[in-house]
Amino acid sequence: MTAVINKNNWICPPVSSGGHLPIKNKNYFKMKLKIALFVCLLITGFNGFAQKRIIPGAERMDQYLPLLKGKNVAIFANPSSMVGNTSLVDTLLKSGVKIVRIFGPEHGFKGTADAGEKVGNSIDPETGIEVVSLYGKHNKPNAEDLKGVDIMIFDIQDVGVRFYTYINSMQRYLEAALENSVPLIILDRPNPNGFYVDGPVLNLKYKSGIGLQPIPIVYGLTLGEYALMLAGEKWLTPRQMKSMLIISRQKKRLTARFIYWL
């Protein structure tokens, strides 16, 4: 028994009943094969991408731990400030780093406060370290907050949209570092929305706690890149600009005043 092609160009293999079971046109099979190959390539590509893990700044301890040796350290952090499965604060304490002050953003250092909820200063019960809230009227470290601090660290995961308050908290923390001549390490993290820019640019007439600079709603930068943009666009005060020196990620030498970006 042999297959036949009928007048409608359908391939008809023989069946036991003596009739023919139609199968679709040859071109249909070619199209299905191409789709299957495309899907296989797509899955392979995604698997390859998944294997290329991004290492956040906090995990590059070989780069910044030497800068903290023998220093009194202040950290701006929240529950997203992790090194693997351990908080940055706990990781540094276990490494012998002396943390003298913790600063917390909206939702607090522990992330337990609701959006917009007032967060006061406290003592962290687990470490005994003073926690200073920088959300509300007191949104920027002053000279008293930084008394005895040798170096500052900023490590918070952001989502890359203008109305999240962390971007403004970073700017004020940066300004305080420059105004008080305290070195600042920004431990950068990937922006999940960093692959595009979208939305209107902020009209500074509507400047507020959820928008300080003329950037679009989705701005496509990490917080470290945004810190460089603040300097590059001269959105800092002349006094702050004079104090600022950007050091590339490859350099390990600590100078008197700088922003160290990892």
C-alpha atoms as a PDB file:
ATOM      1  CA  MET A   1       0.000   0.000   0.000  1.00  0.00           C
ATOM      2  CA  THR A   2       1.288   3.466  -0.820  1.00  0.00           C
ATOM      3  CA  ALA A   3       0.319   6.974   0.139  1.00  0.00           C
ATOM      4  CA  VAL A   4      -1.349   9.169  -2.439  1.00  0.00           C
ATOM      5  CA  ILE A   5      -1.754  12.896  -2.963  1.00  0.00           C
ATOM      6  CA  ASN A   6      -5.321  13.857  -3.807  1.00  0.00           C
ATOM      7  CA  LYS A   7      -6.507  16.759  -5.933  1.00  0.00           C
ATOM      8  CA  ASN A   8      -6.449  19.157  -2.953  1.00  0.00           C
ATOM      9  CA  ASN A   9      -2.742  18.451  -2.419  1.00  0.00           C
ATOM     10  CA  TRP A  10      -3.412  16.550   0.827  1.00  0.00           C
ATOM     11  CA  ILE A  11      -1.059  13.698   1.668  1.00  0.00           C
ATOM     12  CA  CYS A  12      -3.184  10.624   2.318  1.00  0.00           C
ATOM     13  CA  PRO A  13      -1.446   7.612   3.887  1.00  0.00           C
ATOM     14  CA  PRO A  14      -3.208   4.274   3.656  1.00  0.00           C
ATOM     15  CA  VAL A  15      -5.268   3.003   6.598  1.00  0.00           C
ATOM     16  CA  SER A  16      -6.459  -0.523   7.386  1.00  0.00           C
ATOM     17  CA  SER A  17     -10.044   0.291   6.382  1.00  0.00           C
ATOM     18  CA  GLY A  18      -8.907   0.855   2.854  1.00  0.00           C
ATOM     19  CA  GLY A  19      -9.604   4.576   3.030  1.00  0.00           C
ATOM     20  CA  HIS A  20      -7.135   7.432   3.382  1.00  0.00           C
ATOM     21  CA  LEU A  21      -6.517   9.570   6.498  1.00  0.00           C
ATOM     22  CA  PRO A  22      -5.686  13.099   5.225  1.00  0.00           C
ATOM     23  CA  ILE A  23      -2.674  14.957   6.596  1.00  0.00           C
ATOM     24  CA  LYS A  24      -2.133  18.675   5.932  1.00  0.00           C
ATOM     25  CA  ASN A  25      -0.156  20.226   3.110  1.00  0.00           C
ATOM     26  CA  LYS A  26       3.659  19.808   2.884  1.00  0.00           C
ATOM     27  CA  ASN A  27       4.108  23.555   3.450  1.00  0.00           C
ATOM     28  CA  TYR A  28       2.268  23.227   6.747  1.00  0.00           C
ATOM     29  CA  PHE A  29       4.843  20.729   7.996  1.00  0.00           C
ATOM     30  CA  LYS A  30       7.690  22.993   6.962  1.00  0.00           C
ATOM     31  CA  MET A  31       6.133  25.869   8.903  1.00  0.00           C
ATOM     32  CA  LYS A  32       5.660  23.679  12.009  1.00  0.00           C
ATOM     33  CA  LEU A  33       9.283  22.570  11.791  1.00  0.00           C
ATOM     34  CA  LYS A  34      10.494  26.168  11.611  1.00  0.00           C
ATOM     35  CA  ILE A  35       8.376  27.120  14.641  1.00  0.00           C
ATOM     36  CA  ALA A  36       9.724  24.161  16.618  1.00  0.00           C
ATOM     37  CA  LEU A  37      13.311  25.110  15.779  1.00  0.00           C
ATOM     38  CA  PHE A  38      12.654  28.739  16.746  1.00  0.00           C
ATOM     39  CA  VAL A  39      11.193  27.691  20.118  1.00  0.00           C
ATOM     40  CA  CYS A  40      14.208  25.465  20.788  1.00  0.00           C
ATOM     41  CA  LEU A  41      16.595  28.307  20.017  1.00  0.00           C
ATOM     42  CA  LEU A  42      14.575  30.669  22.212  1.00  0.00           C
ATOM     43  CA  ILE A  43      14.654  28.272  25.167  1.00  0.00           C
ATOM     44  CA  THR A  44      18.394  27.732  24.692  1.00  0.00           C
ATOM     45  CA  GLY A  45      18.935  31.489  24.642  1.00  0.00           C
ATOM     46  CA  PHE A  46      16.944  32.002  27.843  1.00  0.00           C
ATOM     47  CA  ASN A  47      18.865  29.218  29.589  1.00  0.00           C
ATOM     48  CA  GLY A  48      22.137  30.819  28.565  1.00  0.00           C
ATOM     49  CA  PHE A  49      20.952  34.198  29.832  1.00  0.00           C
ATOM     50  CA  ALA A  50      19.807  32.712  33.133  1.00  0.00           C
ATOM     51  CA  GLN A  51      23.252  31.268  33.750  1.00  0.00           C
ATOM     52  CA  LYS A  52      24.890  34.707  33.515  1.00  0.00           C
ATOM     53  CA  ARG A  53      24.084  35.879  37.027  1.00  0.00           C
ATOM     54  CA  ILE A  54      24.558  39.568  37.779  1.00  0.00           C
ATOM     55  CA  ILE A  55      26.747  40.098  40.842  1.00  0.00           C
ATOM     56  CA  PRO A  56      25.465  43.091  42.862  1.00  0.00           C
ATOM     57  CA  GLY A  57      27.907  45.511  44.433  1.00  0.00           C
ATOM     58  CA  ALA A  58      27.258  44.213  47.951  1.00  0.00           C
ATOM     59  CA  GLU A  59      28.675  40.818  46.987  1.00  0.00           C
ATOM     60  CA  ARG A  60      31.941  42.298  45.680  1.00  0.00           C
ATOM     61  CA  MET A  61      33.378  42.368  49.171  1.00  0.00           C
ATOM     62  CA  ASP A  62      36.941  41.980  47.972  1.00  0.00           C
ATOM     63  CA  GLN A  63      36.575  45.421  46.399  1.00  0.00           C
ATOM     64  CA  TYR A  64      35.202  47.424  49.315  1.00  0.00           C
ATOM     65  CA  LEU A  65      35.947  45.517  52.529  1.00  0.00           C
ATOM     66  CA  PRO A  66      39.546  46.843  52.636  1.00  0.00           C
ATOM     67  CA  LEU A  67      38.119  50.387  52.550  1.00  0.00           C
ATOM     68  CA  LEU A  68      36.161  49.692  55.753  1.00  0.00           C
ATOM     69  CA  LYS A  69      39.011  48.278  57.791  1.00  0.00           C
ATOM     70  CA  GLY A  70      39.511  50.276  61.005  1.00  0.00           C
ATOM     71  CA  LYS A  71      36.720  52.727  60.030  1.00  0.00           C
ATOM     72  CA  ASN A  72      33.494  53.766  61.743  1.00  0.00           C
ATOM     73  CA  VAL A  73      30.837  52.887  59.171  1.00  0.00           C
ATOM     74  CA  ALA A  74      27.298  54.197  58.590  1.00  0.00           C
ATOM     75  CA  ILE A  75      24.948  52.168  56.392  1.00  0.00           C
ATOM     76  CA  PHE A  76      21.756  53.179  54.581  1.00  0.00           C
ATOM     77  CA  ALA A  77      19.887  49.902  54.183  1.00  0.00           C
ATOM     78  CA  ASN A  78      16.603  47.997  54.233  1.00  0.00           C
ATOM     79  CA  PRO A  79      15.572  44.318  53.797  1.00  0.00           C
ATOM     80  CA  SER A  80      16.755  44.362  50.161  1.00  0.00           C
ATOM     81  CA  SER A  81      20.347  44.989  51.322  1.00  0.00           C
ATOM     82  CA  MET A  82      21.479  41.392  51.117  1.00  0.00           C
ATOM     83  CA  VAL A  83      24.689  39.486  50.522  1.00  0.00           C
ATOM     84  CA  GLY A  84      23.418  36.130  49.357  1.00  0.00           C
ATOM     85  CA  ASN A  85      20.903  35.083  52.004  1.00  0.00           C
ATOM     86  CA  THR A  86      22.333  37.281  54.766  1.00  0.00           C
ATOM     87  CA  SER A  87      21.721  40.971  55.388  1.00  0.00           C
ATOM     88  CA  LEU A  88      24.550  43.357  54.560  1.00  0.00           C
ATOM     89  CA  VAL A  89      24.650  44.577  58.170  1.00  0.00           C
ATOM     90  CA  ASP A  90      25.038  41.048  59.562  1.00  0.00           C
ATOM     91  CA  THR A  91      27.575  40.157  56.867  1.00  0.00           C
ATOM     92  CA  LEU A  92      29.764  43.154  57.653  1.00  0.00           C
ATOM     93  CA  LEU A  93      29.529  42.658  61.402  1.00  0.00           C
ATOM     94  CA  LYS A  94      30.629  39.031  60.982  1.00  0.00           C
ATOM     95  CA  SER A  95      33.551  40.327  58.887  1.00  0.00           C
ATOM     96  CA  GLY A  96      34.711  42.539  61.740  1.00  0.00           C
ATOM     97  CA  VAL A  97      33.424  45.855  60.350  1.00  0.00           C
ATOM     98  CA  LYS A  98      32.475  48.443  62.956  1.00  0.00           C
ATOM     99  CA  ILE A  99      29.017  49.801  62.112  1.00  0.00           C
ATOM    100  CA  VAL A 100      28.195  52.790  64.281  1.00  0.00           C
ATOM    101  CA  ARG A 101      24.938  53.926  62.659  1.00  0.00           C
ATOM    102  CA  ILE A 102      22.197  52.592  60.405  1.00  0.00           C
ATOM    103  CA  PHE A 103      19.972  54.838  58.308  1.00  0.00           C
ATOM    104  CA  GLY A 104      16.561  53.673  57.148  1.00  0.00           C
ATOM    105  CA  PRO A 105      14.341  54.793  54.210  1.00  0.00           C
ATOM    106  CA  GLU A 106      10.572  54.723  53.752  1.00  0.00           C
ATOM    107  CA  HIS A 107       9.124  51.537  55.323  1.00  0.00           C
ATOM    108  CA  GLY A 108      12.043  51.544  57.762  1.00  0.00           C
ATOM    109  CA  PHE A 109      15.278  49.596  58.092  1.00  0.00           C
ATOM    110  CA  LYS A 110      13.312  46.393  58.733  1.00  0.00           C
ATOM    111  CA  GLY A 111      10.703  47.160  56.063  1.00  0.00           C
ATOM    112  CA  THR A 112       7.781  46.717  58.457  1.00  0.00           C
ATOM    113  CA  ALA A 113       6.157  50.172  58.082  1.00  0.00           C
ATOM    114  CA  ASP A 114       3.369  50.835  55.587  1.00  0.00           C
ATOM    115  CA  ALA A 115       3.772  53.236  52.664  1.00  0.00           C
ATOM    116  CA  GLY A 116       3.826  56.805  53.973  1.00  0.00           C
ATOM    117  CA  GLU A 117       3.843  55.677  57.605  1.00  0.00           C
ATOM    118  CA  LYS A 118       5.957  57.729  59.990  1.00  0.00           C
ATOM    119  CA  VAL A 119       9.085  55.904  61.082  1.00  0.00           C
ATOM    120  CA  GLY A 120      10.976  57.082  64.141  1.00  0.00           C
ATOM    121  CA  ASN A 121      14.529  56.522  65.334  1.00  0.00           C
ATOM    122  CA  SER A 122      15.236  53.354  67.282  1.00  0.00           C
ATOM    123  CA  ILE A 123      17.840  50.885  68.478  1.00  0.00           C
ATOM    124  CA  ASP A 124      18.048  47.708  66.429  1.00  0.00           C
ATOM    125  CA  PRO A 125      17.264  44.919  68.937  1.00  0.00           C
ATOM    126  CA  GLU A 126      19.422  42.356  67.137  1.00  0.00           C
ATOM    127  CA  THR A 127      22.639  44.393  66.861  1.00  0.00           C
ATOM    128  CA  GLY A 128      22.173  47.203  69.379  1.00  0.00           C
ATOM    129  CA  ILE A 129      23.064  49.761  66.683  1.00  0.00           C
ATOM    130  CA  GLU A 130      21.267  53.103  66.486  1.00  0.00           C
ATOM    131  CA  VAL A 131      18.841  53.342  63.551  1.00  0.00           C
ATOM    132  CA  VAL A 132      18.117  56.854  62.239  1.00  0.00           C
ATOM    133  CA  SER A 133      15.044  57.254  60.057  1.00  0.00           C
ATOM    134  CA  LEU A 134      15.515  59.396  56.947  1.00  0.00           C
ATOM    135  CA  TYR A 135      11.869  59.346  55.933  1.00  0.00           C
ATOM    136  CA  GLY A 136       9.701  62.319  56.818  1.00  0.00           C
ATOM    137  CA  LYS A 137      10.806  65.791  57.868  1.00  0.00           C
ATOM    138  CA  HIS A 138      14.259  64.519  58.785  1.00  0.00           C
ATOM    139  CA  ASN A 139      15.164  63.121  55.351  1.00  0.00           C
ATOM    140  CA  LYS A 140      18.863  63.907  55.197  1.00  0.00           C
ATOM    141  CA  PRO A 141      21.730  63.115  57.606  1.00  0.00           C
ATOM    142  CA  ASN A 142      23.009  66.188  59.436  1.00  0.00           C
ATOM    143  CA  ALA A 143      26.375  66.812  61.038  1.00  0.00           C
ATOM    144  CA  GLU A 144      25.195  65.258  64.310  1.00  0.00           C
ATOM    145  CA  ASP A 145      24.033  62.093  62.529  1.00  0.00           C
ATOM    146  CA  LEU A 146      27.447  61.759  60.884  1.00  0.00           C
ATOM    147  CA  LYS A 147      29.491  62.607  63.967  1.00  0.00           C
ATOM    148  CA  GLY A 148      32.233  60.010  64.324  1.00  0.00           C
ATOM    149  CA  VAL A 149      31.434  58.413  60.944  1.00  0.00           C
ATOM    150  CA  ASP A 150      34.472  57.774  58.733  1.00  0.00           C
ATOM    151  CA  ILE A 151      32.746  56.283  55.704  1.00  0.00           C
ATOM    152  CA  MET A 152      29.151  55.868  54.470  1.00  0.00           C
ATOM    153  CA  ILE A 153      27.546  53.005  52.537  1.00  0.00           C
ATOM    154  CA  PHE A 154      24.359  53.034  50.475  1.00  0.00           C
ATOM    155  CA  ASP A 155      22.815  49.711  49.450  1.00  0.00           C
ATOM    156  CA  ILE A 156      19.132  49.514  48.486  1.00  0.00           C
ATOM    157  CA  GLN A 157      17.380  47.732  45.634  1.00  0.00           C
ATOM    158  CA  ASP A 158      15.347  50.143  43.508  1.00  0.00           C
ATOM    159  CA  VAL A 159      12.824  49.492  40.706  1.00  0.00           C
ATOM    160  CA  GLY A 160      13.747  52.357  38.378  1.00  0.00           C
ATOM    161  CA  VAL A 161      10.638  54.522  38.598  1.00  0.00           C
ATOM    162  CA  ARG A 162      10.654  58.171  39.631  1.00  0.00           C
ATOM    163  CA  PHE A 163       7.886  58.005  42.234  1.00  0.00           C
ATOM    164  CA  TYR A 164       9.715  55.473  44.424  1.00  0.00           C
ATOM    165  CA  THR A 165      11.271  57.447  47.281  1.00  0.00           C
ATOM    166  CA  TYR A 166      14.560  55.526  47.368  1.00  0.00           C
ATOM    167  CA  ILE A 167      16.014  57.517  44.480  1.00  0.00           C
ATOM    168  CA  ASN A 168      15.472  60.766  46.387  1.00  0.00           C
ATOM    169  CA  SER A 169      16.808  59.229  49.596  1.00  0.00           C
ATOM    170  CA  MET A 170      19.988  58.312  47.738  1.00  0.00           C
ATOM    171  CA  GLN A 171      20.365  61.876  46.449  1.00  0.00           C
ATOM    172  CA  ARG A 172      20.022  63.382  49.925  1.00  0.00           C
ATOM    173  CA  TYR A 173      22.388  60.806  51.395  1.00  0.00           C
ATOM    174  CA  LEU A 174      24.889  61.666  48.666  1.00  0.00           C
ATOM    175  CA  GLU A 175      24.481  65.386  49.354  1.00  0.00           C
ATOM    176  CA  ALA A 176      25.095  64.834  53.071  1.00  0.00           C
ATOM    177  CA  ALA A 177      28.273  62.870  52.318  1.00  0.00           C
ATOM    178  CA  LEU A 178      29.604  65.669  50.131  1.00  0.00           C
ATOM    179  CA  GLU A 179      28.605  68.479  52.486  1.00  0.00           C
ATOM    180  CA  ASN A 180      30.281  66.760  55.439  1.00  0.00           C
ATOM    181  CA  SER A 181      33.316  65.480  53.486  1.00  0.00           C
ATOM    182  CA  VAL A 182      32.578  61.840  54.325  1.00  0.00           C
ATOM    183  CA  PRO A 183      33.430  59.219  51.654  1.00  0.00           C
ATOM    184  CA  LEU A 184      30.429  57.314  50.318  1.00  0.00           C
ATOM    185  CA  ILE A 185      30.334  53.826  48.801  1.00  0.00           C
ATOM    186  CA  ILE A 186      27.308  53.136  46.588  1.00  0.00           C
ATOM    187  CA  LEU A 187      26.795  49.381  46.318  1.00  0.00           C
ATOM    188  CA  ASP A 188      24.859  49.257  43.078  1.00  0.00           C
ATOM    189  CA  ARG A 189      22.166  46.777  42.083  1.00  0.00           C
ATOM    190  CA  PRO A 190      20.541  46.054  38.709  1.00  0.00           C
ATOM    191  CA  ASN A 191      17.473  48.013  37.677  1.00  0.00           C
ATOM    192  CA  PRO A 192      14.684  45.560  36.703  1.00  0.00           C
ATOM    193  CA  ASN A 193      13.285  48.276  34.413  1.00  0.00           C
ATOM    194  CA  GLY A 194      16.660  49.411  33.127  1.00  0.00           C
ATOM    195  CA  PHE A 195      16.075  48.283  29.550  1.00  0.00           C
ATOM    196  CA  TYR A 196      13.792  51.167  28.569  1.00  0.00           C
ATOM    197  CA  VAL A 197      12.862  54.803  29.275  1.00  0.00           C
ATOM    198  CA  ASP A 198       9.242  55.917  29.310  1.00  0.00           C
ATOM    199  CA  GLY A 199       6.817  58.546  30.574  1.00  0.00           C
ATOM    200  CA  PRO A 200       6.857  62.338  30.808  1.00  0.00           C
ATOM    201  CA  VAL A 201       9.776  64.265  32.273  1.00  0.00           C
ATOM    202  CA  LEU A 202       8.973  65.863  35.630  1.00  0.00           C
ATOM    203  CA  ASN A 203       8.045  69.537  35.521  1.00  0.00           C
ATOM    204  CA  LEU A 204      10.019  71.004  38.434  1.00  0.00           C
ATOM    205  CA  LYS A 205       6.997  73.114  39.306  1.00  0.00           C
ATOM    206  CA  TYR A 206       5.681  69.869  40.815  1.00  0.00           C
ATOM    207  CA  LYS A 207       8.897  68.907  42.607  1.00  0.00           C
ATOM    208  CA  SER A 208       8.141  66.851  45.730  1.00  0.00           C
ATOM    209  CA  GLY A 209       9.202  63.928  47.868  1.00  0.00           C
ATOM    210  CA  ILE A 210       8.339  61.587  44.988  1.00  0.00           C
ATOM    211  CA  GLY A 211      10.180  63.597  42.350  1.00  0.00           C
ATOM    212  CA  LEU A 212      13.197  65.884  42.733  1.00  0.00           C
ATOM    213  CA  GLN A 213      14.752  66.006  39.268  1.00  0.00           C
ATOM    214  CA  PRO A 214      13.554  66.424  35.639  1.00  0.00           C
ATOM    215  CA  ILE A 215      13.638  62.756  34.690  1.00  0.00           C
ATOM    216  CA  PRO A 216      10.969  60.538  33.063  1.00  0.00           C
ATOM    217  CA  ILE A 217       8.798  58.178  35.098  1.00  0.00           C
ATOM    218  CA  VAL A 218      10.875  55.190  33.993  1.00  0.00           C
ATOM    219  CA  TYR A 219      14.439  56.492  33.816  1.00  0.00           C
ATOM    220  CA  GLY A 220      16.483  53.434  32.818  1.00  0.00           C
ATOM    221  CA  LEU A 221      19.390  53.829  35.274  1.00  0.00           C
ATOM    222  CA  THR A 222      20.695  52.059  38.330  1.00  0.00           C
ATOM    223  CA  LEU A 223      21.066  54.154  41.475  1.00  0.00           C
ATOM    224  CA  GLY A 224      24.835  54.267  40.960  1.00  0.00           C
ATOM    225  CA  GLU A 225      24.389  55.522  37.408  1.00  0.00           C
ATOM    226  CA  TYR A 226      21.835  58.041  38.632  1.00  0.00           C
ATOM    227  CA  ALA A 227      24.362  59.369  41.175  1.00  0.00           C
ATOM    228  CA  LEU A 228      26.774  59.989  38.290  1.00  0.00           C
ATOM    229  CA  MET A 229      23.981  61.705  36.367  1.00  0.00           C
ATOM    230  CA  LEU A 230      23.317  64.063  39.289  1.00  0.00           C
ATOM    231  CA  ALA A 231      26.916  65.232  38.993  1.00  0.00           C
ATOM    232  CA  GLY A 232      27.062  65.172  35.204  1.00  0.00           C
ATOM    233  CA  GLU A 233      23.910  67.287  34.836  1.00  0.00           C
ATOM    234  CA  LYS A 234      25.103  69.618  37.641  1.00  0.00           C
ATOM    235  CA  TRP A 235      21.961  68.984  39.673  1.00  0.00           C
ATOM    236  CA  LEU A 236      23.986  69.226  42.880  1.00  0.00           C
ATOM    237  CA  THR A 237      24.901  72.536  44.501  1.00  0.00           C
ATOM    238  CA  PRO A 238      28.234  74.184  43.587  1.00  0.00           C
ATOM    239  CA  ARG A 239      29.567  73.344  47.033  1.00  0.00           C
ATOM    240  CA  GLN A 240      28.634  69.691  46.607  1.00  0.00           C
ATOM    241  CA  MET A 241      30.073  69.546  43.103  1.00  0.00           C
ATOM    242  CA  LYS A 242      33.377  70.912  44.382  1.00  0.00           C
ATOM    243  CA  SER A 243      33.601  68.082  46.907  1.00  0.00           C
ATOM    244  CA  MET A 244      32.748  65.318  44.489  1.00  0.00           C
ATOM    245  CA  LEU A 245      35.286  63.081  42.812  1.00  0.00           C
ATOM    246  CA  ILE A 246      34.084  60.035  40.916  1.00  0.00           C
ATOM    247  CA  ILE A 247      36.366  57.024  41.122  1.00  0.00           C
ATOM    248  CA  SER A 248      35.982  54.277  38.533  1.00  0.00           C
ATOM    249  CA  ARG A 249      35.010  50.794  39.641  1.00  0.00           C
ATOM    250  CA  GLN A 250      38.445  49.429  38.809  1.00  0.00           C
ATOM    251  CA  LYS A 251      40.311  51.703  41.219  1.00  0.00           C
ATOM    252  CA  LYS A 252      40.676  50.611  44.834  1.00  0.00           C
ATOM    253  CA  ARG A 253      42.581  53.551  46.240  1.00  0.00           C
ATOM    254  CA  LEU A 254      40.683  55.659  48.746  1.00  0.00           C
ATOM    255  CA  THR A 255      41.128  59.403  48.374  1.00  0.00           C
ATOM    256  CA  ALA A 256      39.987  62.135  50.731  1.00  0.00           C
ATOM    257  CA  ARG A 257      36.580  62.793  49.168  1.00  0.00           C
ATOM    258  CA  PHE A 258      34.868  60.593  46.671  1.00  0.00           C
ATOM    259  CA  ILE A 259      31.919  58.509  45.671  1.00  0.00           C
ATOM    260  CA  TYR A 260      32.972  54.903  45.236  1.00  0.00           C
ATOM    261  CA  TRP A 261      30.600  53.052  42.932  1.00  0.00           C
ATOM    262  CA  LEU A 262      30.396  49.245  42.830  1.00  0.00           C
END
